[in-house]
């Protein structure tokens, strides 16, 4: 089996010929369904998602002194957006939310990465 046997072409969502909302006969649900089915091959690929509340620098000696109840000062203020990383790449910013006694993150801004 060669590398090209498993190649699944992905739609270019940024192309000029992508359908627009005002196109005659354009159905947003149908378009979203088609894109989702085009990406079905990668639905089971595991990724690491991290929500970073802030950062702090310290010496190893200070790190070893940390214990339960220690307050660690971070480089962000309360209410400031947090960074959301997928596989160590910044993809979005968001806010911490509380959902049924559990912490979660809601995305408020998608970061468009420049391709090099």
N, C-alpha and C. Protein backbone atom coordinates (compact mmCIF):
# COMPACT_ATOMS: atom_id res chain seq x y z
N UNK A 1 0.86 -1.18 0.00
CA UNK A 1 0.00 0.00 0.00
C UNK A 1 0.90 1.23 0.00
N UNK A 2 0.67 2.14 -0.90
CA UNK A 2 1.49 3.35 -0.97
C UNK A 2 0.87 4.46 -0.12
N UNK A 3 1.65 5.53 0.10
CA UNK A 3 1.16 6.66 0.90
C UNK A 3 -0.04 7.34 0.27
N UNK A 4 -0.14 7.29 -1.04
CA UNK A 4 -1.25 7.98 -1.72
C UNK A 4 -2.55 7.20 -1.66
N UNK A 5 -2.50 5.90 -1.29
CA UNK A 5 -3.72 5.10 -1.19
C UNK A 5 -4.64 5.59 -0.07
N UNK A 6 -4.07 6.18 0.97
CA UNK A 6 -4.87 6.64 2.09
C UNK A 6 -5.07 8.15 2.08
N UNK A 7 -4.67 8.81 1.02
CA UNK A 7 -4.78 10.27 0.94
C UNK A 7 -6.25 10.67 0.76
N UNK A 8 -6.74 11.49 1.67
CA UNK A 8 -8.11 11.99 1.58
C UNK A 8 -8.01 13.48 1.33
N UNK A 9 -8.46 13.97 0.17
CA UNK A 9 -8.37 15.41 -0.09
C UNK A 9 -9.29 16.18 0.85
N UNK A 10 -8.75 17.25 1.45
CA UNK A 10 -9.55 18.08 2.34
C UNK A 10 -10.06 19.30 1.59
N UNK A 11 -11.25 19.75 1.90
CA UNK A 11 -11.79 20.93 1.22
C UNK A 11 -11.03 22.17 1.63
N UNK A 12 -10.82 23.08 0.68
CA UNK A 12 -10.18 24.36 0.97
C UNK A 12 -11.27 25.34 1.36
N UNK A 13 -11.41 25.57 2.66
CA UNK A 13 -12.48 26.43 3.15
C UNK A 13 -12.21 27.90 2.93
N UNK A 14 -10.99 28.24 2.54
CA UNK A 14 -10.63 29.64 2.32
C UNK A 14 -10.61 30.02 0.84
N UNK A 15 -10.95 29.10 -0.02
CA UNK A 15 -10.87 29.38 -1.46
C UNK A 15 -11.99 30.32 -1.89
N UNK A 16 -11.73 31.02 -2.98
CA UNK A 16 -12.70 31.99 -3.50
C UNK A 16 -13.95 31.31 -4.04
N UNK A 17 -13.83 30.05 -4.45
CA UNK A 17 -14.98 29.36 -5.02
C UNK A 17 -15.78 28.59 -3.97
N UNK A 18 -15.48 28.78 -2.68
CA UNK A 18 -16.28 28.16 -1.64
C UNK A 18 -17.67 28.79 -1.65
N UNK A 19 -18.70 28.00 -1.36
CA UNK A 19 -20.06 28.54 -1.41
C UNK A 19 -20.27 29.65 -0.39
N UNK A 20 -21.09 30.62 -0.75
CA UNK A 20 -21.43 31.73 0.14
C UNK A 20 -22.88 31.59 0.56
N UNK A 21 -23.23 32.27 1.64
CA UNK A 21 -24.61 32.20 2.15
C UNK A 21 -25.63 32.72 1.15
N UNK A 22 -25.21 33.67 0.27
CA UNK A 22 -26.17 34.25 -0.66
C UNK A 22 -26.24 33.50 -1.99
N UNK A 23 -25.49 32.39 -2.13
CA UNK A 23 -25.56 31.59 -3.36
C UNK A 23 -26.95 30.99 -3.51
N UNK A 24 -27.47 31.00 -4.73
CA UNK A 24 -28.76 30.38 -5.01
C UNK A 24 -28.59 28.87 -4.87
N UNK A 25 -29.48 28.24 -4.13
CA UNK A 25 -29.42 26.80 -3.95
C UNK A 25 -28.44 26.37 -2.88
N UNK A 26 -27.80 27.31 -2.20
CA UNK A 26 -26.85 26.97 -1.14
C UNK A 26 -27.62 26.59 0.11
N UNK A 27 -27.29 25.45 0.68
CA UNK A 27 -27.91 24.97 1.91
C UNK A 27 -26.81 24.78 2.94
N UNK A 28 -26.81 25.64 3.96
CA UNK A 28 -25.74 25.63 4.96
C UNK A 28 -25.64 24.28 5.67
N UNK A 29 -26.78 23.68 6.04
CA UNK A 29 -26.75 22.39 6.73
C UNK A 29 -26.17 21.30 5.83
N UNK A 30 -26.54 21.33 4.58
CA UNK A 30 -26.03 20.34 3.62
C UNK A 30 -24.53 20.51 3.43
N UNK A 31 -24.08 21.77 3.33
CA UNK A 31 -22.66 22.06 3.16
C UNK A 31 -21.87 21.60 4.39
N UNK A 32 -22.36 21.89 5.60
CA UNK A 32 -21.69 21.48 6.83
C UNK A 32 -21.63 19.96 6.93
N UNK A 33 -22.71 19.30 6.53
CA UNK A 33 -22.75 17.84 6.55
C UNK A 33 -21.73 17.25 5.59
N UNK A 34 -21.59 17.87 4.41
CA UNK A 34 -20.62 17.39 3.42
C UNK A 34 -19.20 17.56 3.92
N UNK A 35 -18.91 18.70 4.53
CA UNK A 35 -17.58 18.94 5.08
C UNK A 35 -17.29 17.95 6.20
N UNK A 36 -18.26 17.71 7.07
CA UNK A 36 -18.08 16.76 8.16
C UNK A 36 -17.79 15.37 7.62
N UNK A 37 -18.51 14.95 6.58
CA UNK A 37 -18.27 13.63 6.02
C UNK A 37 -16.92 13.56 5.31
N UNK A 38 -16.46 14.67 4.74
CA UNK A 38 -15.14 14.71 4.12
C UNK A 38 -14.04 14.52 5.16
N UNK A 39 -14.28 14.96 6.38
CA UNK A 39 -13.29 14.88 7.45
C UNK A 39 -13.44 13.64 8.32
N UNK A 40 -14.38 12.79 8.00
CA UNK A 40 -14.68 11.62 8.83
C UNK A 40 -13.46 10.75 9.09
N UNK A 41 -12.51 10.70 8.16
CA UNK A 41 -11.32 9.87 8.32
C UNK A 41 -10.46 10.28 9.50
N UNK A 42 -10.56 11.54 9.95
CA UNK A 42 -9.72 12.00 11.05
C UNK A 42 -10.48 12.14 12.38
N UNK A 43 -11.73 11.76 12.42
CA UNK A 43 -12.53 11.90 13.63
C UNK A 43 -11.96 11.13 14.81
N UNK A 44 -11.30 10.00 14.59
CA UNK A 44 -10.78 9.17 15.67
C UNK A 44 -9.32 9.44 15.99
N UNK A 45 -8.72 10.45 15.38
CA UNK A 45 -7.32 10.77 15.65
C UNK A 45 -7.23 11.48 17.00
N UNK A 46 -6.46 10.92 17.95
CA UNK A 46 -6.37 11.57 19.26
C UNK A 46 -5.50 12.82 19.20
N UNK A 47 -5.91 13.85 19.93
CA UNK A 47 -5.14 15.09 20.03
C UNK A 47 -5.08 15.48 21.51
N UNK A 48 -4.05 16.23 21.87
CA UNK A 48 -3.92 16.73 23.24
C UNK A 48 -4.41 18.17 23.26
N UNK A 49 -5.40 18.44 24.11
CA UNK A 49 -5.95 19.79 24.24
C UNK A 49 -5.57 20.31 25.62
N UNK A 50 -4.99 21.53 25.65
CA UNK A 50 -4.59 22.16 26.91
C UNK A 50 -5.20 23.54 27.00
N UNK A 51 -5.73 23.87 28.17
CA UNK A 51 -6.23 25.22 28.44
C UNK A 51 -5.30 25.82 29.48
N UNK A 52 -4.56 26.84 29.09
CA UNK A 52 -3.54 27.43 29.95
C UNK A 52 -4.09 28.67 30.64
N UNK A 53 -4.23 28.59 31.94
CA UNK A 53 -4.75 29.71 32.73
C UNK A 53 -3.71 30.81 32.88
N UNK A 54 -2.45 30.45 32.88
CA UNK A 54 -1.36 31.41 33.05
C UNK A 54 -0.07 30.67 33.27
N UNK A 55 1.01 31.43 33.40
CA UNK A 55 2.33 30.83 33.59
C UNK A 55 3.04 31.53 34.74
N UNK A 56 4.02 30.83 35.28
CA UNK A 56 4.83 31.38 36.35
C UNK A 56 6.22 30.76 36.26
N UNK A 57 7.25 31.55 36.54
CA UNK A 57 8.63 31.04 36.55
C UNK A 57 9.10 30.95 37.99
N UNK A 58 9.81 29.87 38.30
CA UNK A 58 10.38 29.71 39.64
C UNK A 58 11.55 28.75 39.59
N UNK A 59 12.37 28.83 40.61
CA UNK A 59 13.49 27.90 40.73
C UNK A 59 12.98 26.55 41.20
N UNK A 60 13.77 25.51 40.97
CA UNK A 60 13.38 24.17 41.39
C UNK A 60 13.17 24.12 42.90
N UNK A 61 14.00 24.84 43.64
CA UNK A 61 13.86 24.87 45.10
C UNK A 61 12.49 25.40 45.51
N UNK A 62 12.03 26.46 44.85
CA UNK A 62 10.70 27.02 45.15
C UNK A 62 9.61 26.02 44.76
N UNK A 63 9.79 25.34 43.64
CA UNK A 63 8.81 24.36 43.18
C UNK A 63 8.65 23.23 44.20
N UNK A 64 9.77 22.78 44.77
CA UNK A 64 9.72 21.69 45.74
C UNK A 64 9.05 22.09 47.04
N UNK A 65 8.99 23.39 47.33
CA UNK A 65 8.36 23.88 48.56
C UNK A 65 6.84 24.02 48.41
N UNK A 66 6.31 23.90 47.18
CA UNK A 66 4.86 24.02 46.98
C UNK A 66 4.14 22.86 47.64
N UNK A 67 2.99 23.15 48.19
CA UNK A 67 2.19 22.11 48.82
C UNK A 67 0.72 22.45 48.68
N UNK A 68 -0.14 21.60 49.24
CA UNK A 68 -1.58 21.86 49.18
C UNK A 68 -1.92 23.21 49.79
N UNK A 69 -2.73 23.99 49.11
CA UNK A 69 -3.15 25.30 49.61
C UNK A 69 -2.22 26.43 49.23
N UNK A 70 -1.09 26.12 48.60
CA UNK A 70 -0.16 27.17 48.18
C UNK A 70 -0.79 27.99 47.07
N UNK A 71 -0.70 29.30 47.18
CA UNK A 71 -1.20 30.20 46.14
C UNK A 71 -0.05 30.50 45.19
N UNK A 72 -0.25 30.23 43.93
CA UNK A 72 0.77 30.44 42.91
C UNK A 72 0.35 31.61 42.03
N UNK A 73 1.15 32.66 42.00
CA UNK A 73 0.81 33.83 41.21
C UNK A 73 1.12 33.56 39.73
N UNK A 74 0.12 33.79 38.89
CA UNK A 74 0.27 33.57 37.45
C UNK A 74 0.42 34.91 36.74
N UNK A 75 0.79 34.87 35.47
CA UNK A 75 1.02 36.09 34.70
C UNK A 75 -0.24 36.67 34.06
N UNK A 76 -1.40 36.20 34.46
CA UNK A 76 -2.67 36.70 33.92
C UNK A 76 -3.53 37.27 35.03
N UNK A 77 -4.41 38.18 34.64
CA UNK A 77 -5.36 38.76 35.60
C UNK A 77 -6.67 38.00 35.55
N UNK A 78 -7.45 38.13 36.59
CA UNK A 78 -8.78 37.53 36.65
C UNK A 78 -9.61 38.11 35.51
N UNK A 79 -10.30 37.26 34.76
CA UNK A 79 -11.14 37.71 33.66
C UNK A 79 -10.42 37.79 32.32
N UNK A 80 -9.10 37.68 32.33
CA UNK A 80 -8.34 37.73 31.09
C UNK A 80 -8.49 36.40 30.35
N UNK A 81 -8.48 36.45 29.03
CA UNK A 81 -8.66 35.24 28.22
C UNK A 81 -7.56 34.24 28.49
N UNK A 82 -7.92 32.95 28.42
CA UNK A 82 -6.94 31.89 28.56
C UNK A 82 -6.57 31.36 27.18
N UNK A 83 -5.41 30.74 27.06
CA UNK A 83 -4.96 30.19 25.79
C UNK A 83 -5.37 28.72 25.68
N UNK A 84 -5.83 28.33 24.50
CA UNK A 84 -6.22 26.94 24.24
C UNK A 84 -5.28 26.39 23.18
N UNK A 85 -4.59 25.32 23.53
CA UNK A 85 -3.62 24.69 22.64
C UNK A 85 -4.12 23.32 22.23
N UNK A 86 -3.87 22.96 20.97
CA UNK A 86 -4.10 21.60 20.48
C UNK A 86 -2.76 21.11 19.97
N UNK A 87 -2.29 20.01 20.56
CA UNK A 87 -0.96 19.46 20.24
C UNK A 87 0.11 20.54 20.31
N UNK A 88 0.10 21.30 21.39
CA UNK A 88 1.09 22.36 21.67
C UNK A 88 1.08 23.51 20.68
N UNK A 89 0.00 23.68 19.95
CA UNK A 89 -0.14 24.80 19.02
C UNK A 89 -1.33 25.64 19.46
N UNK A 90 -1.09 26.96 19.61
CA UNK A 90 -2.16 27.86 20.02
C UNK A 90 -3.22 27.93 18.93
N UNK A 91 -4.46 27.56 19.27
CA UNK A 91 -5.54 27.56 18.28
C UNK A 91 -6.69 28.49 18.64
N UNK A 92 -6.80 28.85 19.94
CA UNK A 92 -7.95 29.67 20.34
C UNK A 92 -7.68 30.34 21.68
N UNK A 93 -8.54 31.28 21.99
CA UNK A 93 -8.56 31.90 23.32
C UNK A 93 -9.98 31.71 23.85
N UNK A 94 -10.10 31.69 25.16
CA UNK A 94 -11.42 31.44 25.71
C UNK A 94 -11.55 31.90 27.14
N UNK A 95 -12.66 31.51 27.75
CA UNK A 95 -12.98 31.87 29.13
C UNK A 95 -13.30 30.61 29.91
N UNK A 96 -12.97 30.63 31.19
CA UNK A 96 -13.31 29.52 32.07
C UNK A 96 -14.78 29.65 32.43
N UNK A 97 -15.50 28.53 32.38
CA UNK A 97 -16.92 28.51 32.74
C UNK A 97 -17.17 27.38 33.73
N UNK A 98 -18.24 27.49 34.48
CA UNK A 98 -18.65 26.47 35.42
C UNK A 98 -19.92 25.82 34.88
N UNK A 99 -19.85 24.50 34.65
CA UNK A 99 -20.99 23.76 34.13
C UNK A 99 -21.26 22.59 35.06
N UNK A 100 -22.38 22.66 35.77
CA UNK A 100 -22.77 21.60 36.71
C UNK A 100 -21.63 21.20 37.63
N UNK A 101 -21.08 22.15 38.34
CA UNK A 101 -20.00 21.94 39.32
C UNK A 101 -18.69 21.47 38.72
N UNK A 102 -18.51 21.60 37.42
CA UNK A 102 -17.24 21.25 36.76
C UNK A 102 -16.73 22.45 35.99
N UNK A 103 -15.41 22.61 35.97
CA UNK A 103 -14.82 23.68 35.19
C UNK A 103 -14.76 23.29 33.72
N UNK A 104 -14.98 24.24 32.87
CA UNK A 104 -14.88 24.03 31.43
C UNK A 104 -14.32 25.27 30.78
N UNK A 105 -14.19 25.22 29.49
CA UNK A 105 -13.67 26.35 28.72
C UNK A 105 -14.59 26.60 27.54
N UNK A 106 -14.93 27.85 27.31
CA UNK A 106 -15.67 28.21 26.12
C UNK A 106 -14.75 29.04 25.23
N UNK A 107 -14.70 28.70 23.96
CA UNK A 107 -13.85 29.43 23.03
C UNK A 107 -14.50 30.73 22.63
N UNK A 108 -13.75 31.82 22.72
CA UNK A 108 -14.27 33.13 22.35
C UNK A 108 -13.59 33.69 21.10
N UNK A 109 -12.42 33.13 20.77
CA UNK A 109 -11.67 33.62 19.61
C UNK A 109 -10.85 32.48 19.03
N UNK A 110 -10.97 32.26 17.73
CA UNK A 110 -10.16 31.26 17.03
C UNK A 110 -8.93 31.97 16.48
N UNK A 111 -7.76 31.39 16.71
CA UNK A 111 -6.50 31.97 16.23
C UNK A 111 -6.18 31.34 14.89
N UNK A 112 -6.09 32.16 13.86
CA UNK A 112 -5.76 31.66 12.54
C UNK A 112 -4.24 31.62 12.40
N UNK A 113 -3.70 30.43 12.28
CA UNK A 113 -2.24 30.26 12.18
C UNK A 113 -1.79 30.54 10.76
N UNK A 114 -0.65 31.19 10.66
CA UNK A 114 -0.07 31.44 9.34
C UNK A 114 0.69 30.21 8.89
N UNK A 115 0.47 29.80 7.68
CA UNK A 115 1.16 28.62 7.15
C UNK A 115 2.48 29.03 6.57
N UNK A 116 3.50 28.23 6.88
CA UNK A 116 4.83 28.56 6.35
C UNK A 116 5.37 27.46 5.48
